[in-house]
């Protein structure tokens, strides 16, 4: 029986080529809702997370504040409702400051 080219010999050749063999400890969270964890020295990677105590949403380790996003959604909703009741087409929206 012949061994395929990707068999044991090629696996053996790959052993030892990796420079960094120190073990690393990390936490991976595919989904998380709760308070923002404190830094304890062990890195945590969140794919999707909402931190209820700070109002932050994290997606692939990039954080977004929820309040400005929610305000913008409410603004667009109010503008669309106004267009629905008064008729017309999509126009430049004016903000009430």
Protein backbone atom coordinates (compact mmCIF):
# COMPACT_ATOMS: atom_id res chain seq x y z
CA UNK A 1 0.00 0.00 0.00
CA UNK A 2 1.49 3.34 -1.00
CA UNK A 3 1.37 6.31 1.29
CA UNK A 4 -0.08 9.57 -0.10
CA UNK A 5 2.27 12.53 -0.54
CA UNK A 6 0.62 14.35 2.34
CA UNK A 7 1.17 11.42 4.68
CA UNK A 8 3.36 10.92 7.70
CA UNK A 9 6.60 12.06 6.08
CA UNK A 10 5.25 15.51 5.23
CA UNK A 11 3.72 15.84 8.69
CA UNK A 12 7.08 15.02 10.26
CA UNK A 13 8.77 17.64 8.10
CA UNK A 14 6.38 20.29 9.46
CA UNK A 15 7.16 19.54 13.11
CA UNK A 16 9.58 21.96 14.66
CA UNK A 17 9.18 24.66 12.04
CA UNK A 18 6.94 26.73 14.29
CA UNK A 19 9.01 29.26 16.18
CA UNK A 20 6.65 30.06 19.03
CA UNK A 21 5.79 26.90 20.95
CA UNK A 22 4.82 28.63 24.20
CA UNK A 23 1.24 27.87 25.16
CA UNK A 24 -1.16 30.78 25.16
CA UNK A 25 -4.30 31.06 27.23
CA UNK A 26 -7.21 33.03 25.80
CA UNK A 27 -10.94 33.12 26.19
CA UNK A 28 -13.11 33.09 23.08
CA UNK A 29 -16.75 34.13 23.33
CA UNK A 30 -18.91 33.63 20.23
CA UNK A 31 -21.82 35.49 21.91
CA UNK A 32 -21.95 37.38 25.19
CA UNK A 33 -24.46 39.65 26.94
CA UNK A 34 -23.62 40.93 30.39
CA UNK A 35 -21.32 43.25 32.28
CA UNK A 36 -17.96 44.13 30.76
CA UNK A 37 -15.37 41.76 32.24
CA UNK A 38 -12.44 43.20 34.13
CA UNK A 39 -8.96 42.82 32.73
CA UNK A 40 -7.30 39.91 34.54
CA UNK A 41 -4.29 39.42 32.30
CA UNK A 42 -5.92 36.72 30.16
CA UNK A 43 -7.05 38.17 26.83
CA UNK A 44 -10.65 37.63 25.85
CA UNK A 45 -11.88 37.76 22.26
CA UNK A 46 -15.53 38.53 21.68
CA UNK A 47 -17.08 37.81 18.30
CA UNK A 48 -20.39 39.45 19.31
CA UNK A 49 -20.92 41.01 22.71
CA UNK A 50 -23.14 43.59 24.38
CA UNK A 51 -21.92 45.00 27.67
CA UNK A 52 -25.00 46.12 29.58
CA UNK A 53 -23.13 48.18 32.16
CA UNK A 54 -21.28 50.40 29.64
CA UNK A 55 -23.74 50.30 26.71
CA UNK A 56 -21.08 49.04 24.30
CA UNK A 57 -21.45 46.56 21.48
CA UNK A 58 -18.35 44.66 20.41
CA UNK A 59 -18.07 42.93 17.06
CA UNK A 60 -14.84 41.11 16.21
CA UNK A 61 -12.92 43.00 18.92
CA UNK A 62 -14.08 46.42 17.67
CA UNK A 63 -16.28 48.39 20.08
CA UNK A 64 -19.26 50.58 19.21
CA UNK A 65 -21.31 52.74 21.56
CA UNK A 66 -24.98 51.80 21.30
CA UNK A 67 -26.48 55.18 22.24
CA UNK A 68 -25.40 57.07 19.06
CA UNK A 69 -26.50 54.14 16.87
CA UNK A 70 -29.89 53.95 18.61
CA UNK A 71 -30.34 57.75 18.34
CA UNK A 72 -29.69 57.60 14.60
CA UNK A 73 -32.16 54.73 14.13
CA UNK A 74 -34.83 56.70 16.03
CA UNK A 75 -34.11 59.80 13.92
CA UNK A 76 -34.50 57.88 10.64
CA UNK A 77 -37.67 56.23 11.96
CA UNK A 78 -39.20 59.60 12.90
CA UNK A 79 -38.28 61.03 9.48
CA UNK A 80 -39.88 58.08 7.69
CA UNK A 81 -43.05 58.38 9.81
CA UNK A 82 -43.27 62.08 8.93
CA UNK A 83 -42.95 61.25 5.24
CA UNK A 84 -45.62 58.57 5.57
CA UNK A 85 -48.16 60.93 7.16
CA UNK A 86 -47.35 64.06 5.11
CA UNK A 87 -46.56 62.28 1.87
CA UNK A 88 -43.79 63.17 -0.45
CA UNK A 89 -40.47 61.70 -1.29
CA UNK A 90 -37.31 61.21 0.70
CA UNK A 91 -35.91 64.65 1.46
CA UNK A 92 -33.05 66.06 3.45
CA UNK A 93 -33.89 65.52 7.09
CA UNK A 94 -33.58 68.36 9.56
CA UNK A 95 -32.46 67.68 13.09
CA UNK A 96 -34.06 69.43 16.03
CA UNK A 97 -31.14 70.48 18.18
